Amino acid sequence: FRLDGPGLAGVVLEHPDGWRLELL
């Protein structure tokens, strides 16, 4: 995703076991 106003970009990553990591 991208929020153009603040210029924030991110990605949500998921492990096969279901835990997630969001990088911003």
mmCIF file of all heavy atoms, coordinates in Angstrom:
data_MODEL
# 
_entry.id   MODEL 
# 
loop_
_atom_site.group_PDB 
_atom_site.id 
_atom_site.type_symbol 
_atom_site.label_atom_id 
_atom_site.label_alt_id 
_atom_site.label_comp_id 
_atom_site.label_asym_id 
_atom_site.label_entity_id 
_atom_site.label_seq_id 
_atom_site.pdbx_PDB_ins_code 
_atom_site.Cartn_x 
_atom_site.Cartn_y 
_atom_site.Cartn_z 
_atom_site.occupancy 
_atom_site.B_iso_or_equiv 
_atom_site.pdbx_formal_charge 
_atom_site.auth_seq_id 
_atom_site.auth_comp_id 
_atom_site.auth_asym_id 
_atom_site.auth_atom_id 
_atom_site.pdbx_PDB_model_num 
ATOM 1   N N   . PHE A 1 1  ? 0.832  -1.197  0.000  1.00 0.00 ? 1  PHE A N   1 
ATOM 2   C CA  . PHE A 1 1  ? 0.000  0.000   0.000  1.00 0.00 ? 1  PHE A CA  1 
ATOM 3   C C   . PHE A 1 1  ? 0.864  1.242   0.000  1.00 0.00 ? 1  PHE A C   1 
ATOM 4   O O   . PHE A 1 1  ? 2.061  1.194   0.276  1.00 0.00 ? 1  PHE A O   1 
ATOM 5   C CB  . PHE A 1 1  ? -0.957 0.011   1.198  1.00 0.00 ? 1  PHE A CB  1 
ATOM 6   C CG  . PHE A 1 1  ? -0.258 0.032   2.531  1.00 0.00 ? 1  PHE A CG  1 
ATOM 7   C CD1 . PHE A 1 1  ? 0.037  1.234   3.167  1.00 0.00 ? 1  PHE A CD1 1 
ATOM 8   C CD2 . PHE A 1 1  ? 0.110  -1.157  3.156  1.00 0.00 ? 1  PHE A CD2 1 
ATOM 9   C CE1 . PHE A 1 1  ? 0.677  1.248   4.393  1.00 0.00 ? 1  PHE A CE1 1 
ATOM 10  C CE2 . PHE A 1 1  ? 0.744  -1.156  4.375  1.00 0.00 ? 1  PHE A CE2 1 
ATOM 11  C CZ  . PHE A 1 1  ? 1.034  0.059   5.002  1.00 0.00 ? 1  PHE A CZ  1 
ATOM 12  N N   . ARG A 1 2  ? 0.233  2.359   -0.336 1.00 0.00 ? 2  ARG A N   1 
ATOM 13  C CA  . ARG A 1 2  ? 0.904  3.662   -0.338 1.00 0.00 ? 2  ARG A CA  1 
ATOM 14  C C   . ARG A 1 2  ? -0.106 4.710   0.099  1.00 0.00 ? 2  ARG A C   1 
ATOM 15  O O   . ARG A 1 2  ? -1.238 4.723   -0.382 1.00 0.00 ? 2  ARG A O   1 
ATOM 16  C CB  . ARG A 1 2  ? 1.435  3.982   -1.728 1.00 0.00 ? 2  ARG A CB  1 
ATOM 17  C CG  . ARG A 1 2  ? 2.131  5.308   -1.795 1.00 0.00 ? 2  ARG A CG  1 
ATOM 18  C CD  . ARG A 1 2  ? 3.021  5.395   -3.023 1.00 0.00 ? 2  ARG A CD  1 
ATOM 19  N NE  . ARG A 1 2  ? 3.798  6.606   -2.985 1.00 0.00 ? 2  ARG A NE  1 
ATOM 20  C CZ  . ARG A 1 2  ? 4.902  6.789   -2.265 1.00 0.00 ? 2  ARG A CZ  1 
ATOM 21  N NH1 . ARG A 1 2  ? 5.361  5.813   -1.542 1.00 0.00 ? 2  ARG A NH1 1 
ATOM 22  N NH2 . ARG A 1 2  ? 5.540  7.936   -2.279 1.00 0.00 ? 2  ARG A NH2 1 
ATOM 23  N N   . LEU A 1 3  ? 0.304  5.572   1.014  1.00 0.00 ? 3  LEU A N   1 
ATOM 24  C CA  . LEU A 1 3  ? -0.482 6.733   1.421  1.00 0.00 ? 3  LEU A CA  1 
ATOM 25  C C   . LEU A 1 3  ? 0.230  7.949   0.855  1.00 0.00 ? 3  LEU A C   1 
ATOM 26  O O   . LEU A 1 3  ? 1.260  8.380   1.384  1.00 0.00 ? 3  LEU A O   1 
ATOM 27  C CB  . LEU A 1 3  ? -0.589 6.805   2.940  1.00 0.00 ? 3  LEU A CB  1 
ATOM 28  C CG  . LEU A 1 3  ? -1.176 5.561   3.633  1.00 0.00 ? 3  LEU A CG  1 
ATOM 29  C CD1 . LEU A 1 3  ? -1.129 5.731   5.147  1.00 0.00 ? 3  LEU A CD1 1 
ATOM 30  C CD2 . LEU A 1 3  ? -2.593 5.304   3.160  1.00 0.00 ? 3  LEU A CD2 1 
ATOM 31  N N   . ASP A 1 4  ? -0.304 8.493   -0.237 1.00 0.00 ? 4  ASP A N   1 
ATOM 32  C CA  . ASP A 1 4  ? 0.384  9.563   -0.944 1.00 0.00 ? 4  ASP A CA  1 
ATOM 33  C C   . ASP A 1 4  ? 0.576  10.825  -0.121 1.00 0.00 ? 4  ASP A C   1 
ATOM 34  O O   . ASP A 1 4  ? 1.619  11.465  -0.224 1.00 0.00 ? 4  ASP A O   1 
ATOM 35  C CB  . ASP A 1 4  ? -0.345 9.889   -2.250 1.00 0.00 ? 4  ASP A CB  1 
ATOM 36  C CG  . ASP A 1 4  ? -0.218 8.762   -3.264 1.00 0.00 ? 4  ASP A CG  1 
ATOM 37  O OD1 . ASP A 1 4  ? 0.839  8.099   -3.285 1.00 0.00 ? 4  ASP A OD1 1 
ATOM 38  O OD2 . ASP A 1 4  ? -1.182 8.534   -4.022 1.00 0.00 ? 4  ASP A OD2 1 
ATOM 39  N N   . GLY A 1 5  ? -0.387 11.202  0.699  1.00 0.00 ? 5  GLY A N   1 
ATOM 40  C CA  . GLY A 1 5  ? -0.257 12.424  1.501  1.00 0.00 ? 5  GLY A CA  1 
ATOM 41  C C   . GLY A 1 5  ? 1.043  12.454  2.300  1.00 0.00 ? 5  GLY A C   1 
ATOM 42  O O   . GLY A 1 5  ? 1.900  13.309  2.080  1.00 0.00 ? 5  GLY A O   1 
ATOM 43  N N   . PRO A 1 6  ? 1.236  11.513  3.216  1.00 0.00 ? 6  PRO A N   1 
ATOM 44  C CA  . PRO A 1 6  ? 2.480  11.501  3.985  1.00 0.00 ? 6  PRO A CA  1 
ATOM 45  C C   . PRO A 1 6  ? 3.639  10.796  3.273  1.00 0.00 ? 6  PRO A C   1 
ATOM 46  O O   . PRO A 1 6  ? 4.766  10.801  3.761  1.00 0.00 ? 6  PRO A O   1 
ATOM 47  C CB  . PRO A 1 6  ? 2.104  10.743  5.255  1.00 0.00 ? 6  PRO A CB  1 
ATOM 48  C CG  . PRO A 1 6  ? 0.983  9.853   4.853  1.00 0.00 ? 6  PRO A CG  1 
ATOM 49  C CD  . PRO A 1 6  ? 0.235  10.603  3.772  1.00 0.00 ? 6  PRO A CD  1 
ATOM 50  N N   . GLY A 1 7  ? 3.374  10.182  2.118  1.00 0.00 ? 7  GLY A N   1 
ATOM 51  C CA  . GLY A 1 7  ? 4.423  9.471   1.402  1.00 0.00 ? 7  GLY A CA  1 
ATOM 52  C C   . GLY A 1 7  ? 4.822  8.159   2.058  1.00 0.00 ? 7  GLY A C   1 
ATOM 53  O O   . GLY A 1 7  ? 5.944  7.696   1.915  1.00 0.00 ? 7  GLY A O   1 
ATOM 54  N N   . LEU A 1 8  ? 3.895  7.555   2.780  1.00 0.00 ? 8  LEU A N   1 
ATOM 55  C CA  . LEU A 1 8  ? 4.169  6.313   3.487  1.00 0.00 ? 8  LEU A CA  1 
ATOM 56  C C   . LEU A 1 8  ? 3.887  5.126   2.568  1.00 0.00 ? 8  LEU A C   1 
ATOM 57  O O   . LEU A 1 8  ? 2.843  5.064   1.931  1.00 0.00 ? 8  LEU A O   1 
ATOM 58  C CB  . LEU A 1 8  ? 3.287  6.215   4.736  1.00 0.00 ? 8  LEU A CB  1 
ATOM 59  C CG  . LEU A 1 8  ? 3.427  4.954   5.577  1.00 0.00 ? 8  LEU A CG  1 
ATOM 60  C CD1 . LEU A 1 8  ? 4.765  4.957   6.304  1.00 0.00 ? 8  LEU A CD1 1 
ATOM 61  C CD2 . LEU A 1 8  ? 2.286  4.870   6.578  1.00 0.00 ? 8  LEU A CD2 1 
ATOM 62  N N   . ALA A 1 9  ? 4.838  4.214   2.497  1.00 0.00 ? 9  ALA A N   1 
ATOM 63  C CA  . ALA A 1 9  ? 4.658  2.988   1.719  1.00 0.00 ? 9  ALA A CA  1 
ATOM 64  C C   . ALA A 1 9  ? 4.831  1.808   2.659  1.00 0.00 ? 9  ALA A C   1 
ATOM 65  O O   . ALA A 1 9  ? 5.582  1.881   3.636  1.00 0.00 ? 9  ALA A O   1 
ATOM 66  C CB  . ALA A 1 9  ? 5.666  2.920   0.585  1.00 0.00 ? 9  ALA A CB  1 
ATOM 67  N N   . GLY A 1 10 ? 4.121  0.735   2.363  1.00 0.00 ? 10 GLY A N   1 
ATOM 68  C CA  . GLY A 1 10 ? 4.234  -0.431  3.222  1.00 0.00 ? 10 GLY A CA  1 
ATOM 69  C C   . GLY A 1 10 ? 3.915  -1.712  2.500  1.00 0.00 ? 10 GLY A C   1 
ATOM 70  O O   . GLY A 1 10 ? 3.350  -1.723  1.409  1.00 0.00 ? 10 GLY A O   1 
ATOM 71  N N   . VAL A 1 11 ? 4.304  -2.801  3.141  1.00 0.00 ? 11 VAL A N   1 
ATOM 72  C CA  . VAL A 1 11 ? 4.004  -4.139  2.643  1.00 0.00 ? 11 VAL A CA  1 
ATOM 73  C C   . VAL A 1 11 ? 3.721  -5.019  3.852  1.00 0.00 ? 11 VAL A C   1 
ATOM 74  O O   . VAL A 1 11 ? 4.378  -4.882  4.889  1.00 0.00 ? 11 VAL A O   1 
ATOM 75  C CB  . VAL A 1 11 ? 5.159  -4.710  1.782  1.00 0.00 ? 11 VAL A CB  1 
ATOM 76  C CG1 . VAL A 1 11 ? 6.448  -4.816  2.570  1.00 0.00 ? 11 VAL A CG1 1 
ATOM 77  C CG2 . VAL A 1 11 ? 4.786  -6.051  1.177  1.00 0.00 ? 11 VAL A CG2 1 
ATOM 78  N N   . VAL A 1 12 ? 2.713  -5.869  3.725  1.00 0.00 ? 12 VAL A N   1 
ATOM 79  C CA  . VAL A 1 12 ? 2.420  -6.856  4.760  1.00 0.00 ? 12 VAL A CA  1 
ATOM 80  C C   . VAL A 1 12 ? 2.904  -8.199  4.238  1.00 0.00 ? 12 VAL A C   1 
ATOM 81  O O   . VAL A 1 12 ? 2.502  -8.627  3.147  1.00 0.00 ? 12 VAL A O   1 
ATOM 82  C CB  . VAL A 1 12 ? 0.919  -6.899  5.113  1.00 0.00 ? 12 VAL A CB  1 
ATOM 83  C CG1 . VAL A 1 12 ? 0.626  -8.026  6.093  1.00 0.00 ? 12 VAL A CG1 1 
ATOM 84  C CG2 . VAL A 1 12 ? 0.471  -5.558  5.684  1.00 0.00 ? 12 VAL A CG2 1 
ATOM 85  N N   . LEU A 1 13 ? 3.764  -8.835  5.015  1.00 0.00 ? 13 LEU A N   1 
ATOM 86  C CA  . LEU A 1 13 ? 4.326  -10.131 4.669  1.00 0.00 ? 13 LEU A CA  1 
ATOM 87  C C   . LEU A 1 13 ? 3.765  -11.177 5.616  1.00 0.00 ? 13 LEU A C   1 
ATOM 88  O O   . LEU A 1 13 ? 3.512  -10.875 6.781  1.00 0.00 ? 13 LEU A O   1 
ATOM 89  C CB  . LEU A 1 13 ? 5.855  -10.095 4.786  1.00 0.00 ? 13 LEU A CB  1 
ATOM 90  C CG  . LEU A 1 13 ? 6.559  -9.028  3.957  1.00 0.00 ? 13 LEU A CG  1 
ATOM 91  C CD1 . LEU A 1 13 ? 8.034  -8.955  4.327  1.00 0.00 ? 13 LEU A CD1 1 
ATOM 92  C CD2 . LEU A 1 13 ? 6.384  -9.297  2.473  1.00 0.00 ? 13 LEU A CD2 1 
ATOM 93  N N   . GLU A 1 14 ? 3.581  -12.397 5.112  1.00 0.00 ? 14 GLU A N   1 
ATOM 94  C CA  . GLU A 1 14 ? 2.997  -13.445 5.944  1.00 0.00 ? 14 GLU A CA  1 
ATOM 95  C C   . GLU A 1 14 ? 3.810  -14.733 5.835  1.00 0.00 ? 14 GLU A C   1 
ATOM 96  O O   . GLU A 1 14 ? 4.223  -15.140 4.750  1.00 0.00 ? 14 GLU A O   1 
ATOM 97  C CB  . GLU A 1 14 ? 1.557  -13.710 5.521  1.00 0.00 ? 14 GLU A CB  1 
ATOM 98  C CG  . GLU A 1 14 ? 0.826  -14.695 6.420  1.00 0.00 ? 14 GLU A CG  1 
ATOM 99  C CD  . GLU A 1 14 ? -0.640 -14.806 6.058  1.00 0.00 ? 14 GLU A CD  1 
ATOM 100 O OE1 . GLU A 1 14 ? -0.947 -15.412 5.004  1.00 0.00 ? 14 GLU A OE1 1 
ATOM 101 O OE2 . GLU A 1 14 ? -1.475 -14.276 6.807  1.00 0.00 ? 14 GLU A OE2 1 
ATOM 102 N N   . HIS A 1 15 ? 4.005  -15.369 6.976  1.00 0.00 ? 15 HIS A N   1 
ATOM 103 C CA  . HIS A 1 15 ? 4.680  -16.663 7.060  1.00 0.00 ? 15 HIS A CA  1 
ATOM 104 C C   . HIS A 1 15 ? 3.649  -17.768 6.802  1.00 0.00 ? 15 HIS A C   1 
ATOM 105 O O   . HIS A 1 15 ? 2.459  -17.582 7.091  1.00 0.00 ? 15 HIS A O   1 
ATOM 106 C CB  . HIS A 1 15 ? 5.293  -16.823 8.460  1.00 0.00 ? 15 HIS A CB  1 
ATOM 107 C CG  . HIS A 1 15 ? 6.144  -18.030 8.597  1.00 0.00 ? 15 HIS A CG  1 
ATOM 108 N ND1 . HIS A 1 15 ? 5.657  -19.244 9.017  1.00 0.00 ? 15 HIS A ND1 1 
ATOM 109 C CD2 . HIS A 1 15 ? 7.462  -18.203 8.364  1.00 0.00 ? 15 HIS A CD2 1 
ATOM 110 C CE1 . HIS A 1 15 ? 6.642  -20.120 9.042  1.00 0.00 ? 15 HIS A CE1 1 
ATOM 111 N NE2 . HIS A 1 15 ? 7.756  -19.515 8.652  1.00 0.00 ? 15 HIS A NE2 1 
ATOM 112 N N   . PRO A 1 16 ? 4.055  -18.921 6.287  1.00 0.00 ? 16 PRO A N   1 
ATOM 113 C CA  . PRO A 1 16 ? 3.101  -20.014 6.085  1.00 0.00 ? 16 PRO A CA  1 
ATOM 114 C C   . PRO A 1 16 ? 2.353  -20.415 7.360  1.00 0.00 ? 16 PRO A C   1 
ATOM 115 O O   . PRO A 1 16 ? 1.229  -20.913 7.280  1.00 0.00 ? 16 PRO A O   1 
ATOM 116 C CB  . PRO A 1 16 ? 3.983  -21.172 5.578  1.00 0.00 ? 16 PRO A CB  1 
ATOM 117 C CG  . PRO A 1 16 ? 5.131  -20.491 4.914  1.00 0.00 ? 16 PRO A CG  1 
ATOM 118 C CD  . PRO A 1 16 ? 5.376  -19.244 5.730  1.00 0.00 ? 16 PRO A CD  1 
ATOM 119 N N   . ASP A 1 17 ? 2.929  -20.168 8.543  1.00 0.00 ? 17 ASP A N   1 
ATOM 120 C CA  . ASP A 1 17 ? 2.243  -20.483 9.805  1.00 0.00 ? 17 ASP A CA  1 
ATOM 121 C C   . ASP A 1 17 ? 1.244  -19.400 10.224 1.00 0.00 ? 17 ASP A C   1 
ATOM 122 O O   . ASP A 1 17 ? 0.583  -19.535 11.248 1.00 0.00 ? 17 ASP A O   1 
ATOM 123 C CB  . ASP A 1 17 ? 3.258  -20.683 10.934 1.00 0.00 ? 17 ASP A CB  1 
ATOM 124 C CG  . ASP A 1 17 ? 4.028  -21.983 10.786 1.00 0.00 ? 17 ASP A CG  1 
ATOM 125 O OD1 . ASP A 1 17 ? 3.558  -22.887 10.066 1.00 0.00 ? 17 ASP A OD1 1 
ATOM 126 O OD2 . ASP A 1 17 ? 5.111  -22.084 11.385 1.00 0.00 ? 17 ASP A OD2 1 
ATOM 127 N N   . GLY A 1 18 ? 1.161  -18.296 9.461  1.00 0.00 ? 18 GLY A N   1 
ATOM 128 C CA  . GLY A 1 18 ? 0.160  -17.280 9.735  1.00 0.00 ? 18 GLY A CA  1 
ATOM 129 C C   . GLY A 1 18 ? 0.639  -16.010 10.404 1.00 0.00 ? 18 GLY A C   1 
ATOM 130 O O   . GLY A 1 18 ? -0.092 -15.031 10.447 1.00 0.00 ? 18 GLY A O   1 
ATOM 131 N N   . TRP A 1 19 ? 1.868  -15.974 10.943 1.00 0.00 ? 19 TRP A N   1 
ATOM 132 C CA  . TRP A 1 19 ? 2.311  -14.727 11.567 1.00 0.00 ? 19 TRP A CA  1 
ATOM 133 C C   . TRP A 1 19 ? 2.681  -13.725 10.474 1.00 0.00 ? 19 TRP A C   1 
ATOM 134 O O   . TRP A 1 19 ? 3.081  -14.094 9.382  1.00 0.00 ? 19 TRP A O   1 
ATOM 135 C CB  . TRP A 1 19 ? 3.426  -14.941 12.580 1.00 0.00 ? 19 TRP A CB  1 
ATOM 136 C CG  . TRP A 1 19 ? 4.707  -15.559 12.087 1.00 0.00 ? 19 TRP A CG  1 
ATOM 137 C CD1 . TRP A 1 19 ? 5.022  -16.881 12.065 1.00 0.00 ? 19 TRP A CD1 1 
ATOM 138 C CD2 . TRP A 1 19 ? 5.866  -14.869 11.592 1.00 0.00 ? 19 TRP A CD2 1 
ATOM 139 N NE1 . TRP A 1 19 ? 6.289  -17.065 11.583 1.00 0.00 ? 19 TRP A NE1 1 
ATOM 140 C CE2 . TRP A 1 19 ? 6.834  -15.849 11.284 1.00 0.00 ? 19 TRP A CE2 1 
ATOM 141 C CE3 . TRP A 1 19 ? 6.173  -13.532 11.383 1.00 0.00 ? 19 TRP A CE3 1 
ATOM 142 C CZ2 . TRP A 1 19 ? 8.091  -15.525 10.767 1.00 0.00 ? 19 TRP A CZ2 1 
ATOM 143 C CZ3 . TRP A 1 19 ? 7.425  -13.210 10.868 1.00 0.00 ? 19 TRP A CZ3 1 
ATOM 144 C CH2 . TRP A 1 19 ? 8.361  -14.197 10.574 1.00 0.00 ? 19 TRP A CH2 1 
ATOM 145 N N   . ARG A 1 20 ? 2.469  -12.444 10.807 1.00 0.00 ? 20 ARG A N   1 
ATOM 146 C CA  . ARG A 1 20 ? 2.665  -11.387 9.810  1.00 0.00 ? 20 ARG A CA  1 
ATOM 147 C C   . ARG A 1 20 ? 3.660  -10.337 10.289 1.00 0.00 ? 20 ARG A C   1 
ATOM 148 O O   . ARG A 1 20 ? 3.783  -10.075 11.484 1.00 0.00 ? 20 ARG A O   1 
ATOM 149 C CB  . ARG A 1 20 ? 1.343  -10.684 9.507  1.00 0.00 ? 20 ARG A CB  1 
ATOM 150 C CG  . ARG A 1 20 ? 0.387  -11.521 8.710  1.00 0.00 ? 20 ARG A CG  1 
ATOM 151 C CD  . ARG A 1 20 ? -0.896 -10.775 8.441  1.00 0.00 ? 20 ARG A CD  1 
ATOM 152 N NE  . ARG A 1 20 ? -1.703 -11.461 7.448  1.00 0.00 ? 20 ARG A NE  1 
ATOM 153 C CZ  . ARG A 1 20 ? -2.669 -10.889 6.766  1.00 0.00 ? 20 ARG A CZ  1 
ATOM 154 N NH1 . ARG A 1 20 ? -2.984 -9.619  6.964  1.00 0.00 ? 20 ARG A NH1 1 
ATOM 155 N NH2 . ARG A 1 20 ? -3.345 -11.579 5.872  1.00 0.00 ? 20 ARG A NH2 1 
ATOM 156 N N   . LEU A 1 21 ? 4.307  -9.727  9.316  1.00 0.00 ? 21 LEU A N   1 
ATOM 157 C CA  . LEU A 1 21 ? 5.243  -8.642  9.550  1.00 0.00 ? 21 LEU A CA  1 
ATOM 158 C C   . LEU A 1 21 ? 4.889  -7.525  8.575  1.00 0.00 ? 21 LEU A C   1 
ATOM 159 O O   . LEU A 1 21 ? 4.760  -7.773  7.371  1.00 0.00 ? 21 LEU A O   1 
ATOM 160 C CB  . LEU A 1 21 ? 6.676  -9.135  9.306  1.00 0.00 ? 21 LEU A CB  1 
ATOM 161 C CG  . LEU A 1 21 ? 7.791  -8.140  9.511  1.00 0.00 ? 21 LEU A CG  1 
ATOM 162 C CD1 . LEU A 1 21 ? 7.913  -7.774  10.992 1.00 0.00 ? 21 LEU A CD1 1 
ATOM 163 C CD2 . LEU A 1 21 ? 9.108  -8.725  9.015  1.00 0.00 ? 21 LEU A CD2 1 
ATOM 164 N N   . GLU A 1 22 ? 4.681  -6.324  9.105  1.00 0.00 ? 22 GLU A N   1 
ATOM 165 C CA  . GLU A 1 22 ? 4.381  -5.167  8.259  1.00 0.00 ? 22 GLU A CA  1 
ATOM 166 C C   . GLU A 1 22 ? 5.619  -4.285  8.222  1.00 0.00 ? 22 GLU A C   1 
ATOM 167 O O   . GLU A 1 22 ? 6.097  -3.840  9.267  1.00 0.00 ? 22 GLU A O   1 
ATOM 168 C CB  . GLU A 1 22 ? 3.188  -4.395  8.820  1.00 0.00 ? 22 GLU A CB  1 
ATOM 169 C CG  . GLU A 1 22 ? 2.816  -3.188  7.998  1.00 0.00 ? 22 GLU A CG  1 
ATOM 170 C CD  . GLU A 1 22 ? 1.623  -2.443  8.594  1.00 0.00 ? 22 GLU A CD  1 
ATOM 171 O OE1 . GLU A 1 22 ? 1.525  -2.353  9.835  1.00 0.00 ? 22 GLU A OE1 1 
ATOM 172 O OE2 . GLU A 1 22 ? 0.806  -1.956  7.818  1.00 0.00 ? 22 GLU A OE2 1 
ATOM 173 N N   . LEU A 1 23 ? 6.138  -4.043  7.020  1.00 0.00 ? 23 LEU A N   1 
ATOM 174 C CA  . LEU A 1 23 ? 7.281  -3.159  6.844  1.00 0.00 ? 23 LEU A CA  1 
ATOM 175 C C   . LEU A 1 23 ? 6.767  -1.824  6.319  1.00 0.00 ? 23 LEU A C   1 
ATOM 176 O O   . LEU A 1 23 ? 5.953  -1.786  5.391  1.00 0.00 ? 23 LEU A O   1 
ATOM 177 C CB  . LEU A 1 23 ? 8.284  -3.759  5.857  1.00 0.00 ? 23 LEU A CB  1 
ATOM 178 C CG  . LEU A 1 23 ? 8.863  -5.120  6.230  1.00 0.00 ? 23 LEU A CG  1 
ATOM 179 C CD1 . LEU A 1 23 ? 9.796  -5.616  5.126  1.00 0.00 ? 23 LEU A CD1 1 
ATOM 180 C CD2 . LEU A 1 23 ? 9.577  -5.069  7.571  1.00 0.00 ? 23 LEU A CD2 1 
ATOM 181 N N   . LEU A 1 24 ? 7.230  -0.738  6.940  1.00 0.00 ? 24 LEU A N   1 
ATOM 182 C CA  . LEU A 1 24 ? 6.774  0.609   6.592  1.00 0.00 ? 24 LEU A CA  1 
ATOM 183 C C   . LEU A 1 24 ? 7.981  1.489   6.292  1.00 0.00 ? 24 LEU A C   1 
ATOM 184 O O   . LEU A 1 24 ? 8.998  1.414   6.998  1.00 0.00 ? 24 LEU A O   1 
ATOM 185 C CB  . LEU A 1 24 ? 5.997  1.222   7.756  1.00 0.00 ? 24 LEU A CB  1 
ATOM 186 C CG  . LEU A 1 24 ? 4.766  0.441   8.204  1.00 0.00 ? 24 LEU A CG  1 
ATOM 187 C CD1 . LEU A 1 24 ? 4.392  0.807   9.619  1.00 0.00 ? 24 LEU A CD1 1 
ATOM 188 C CD2 . LEU A 1 24 ? 3.629  0.693   7.239  1.00 0.00 ? 24 LEU A CD2 1 
# 
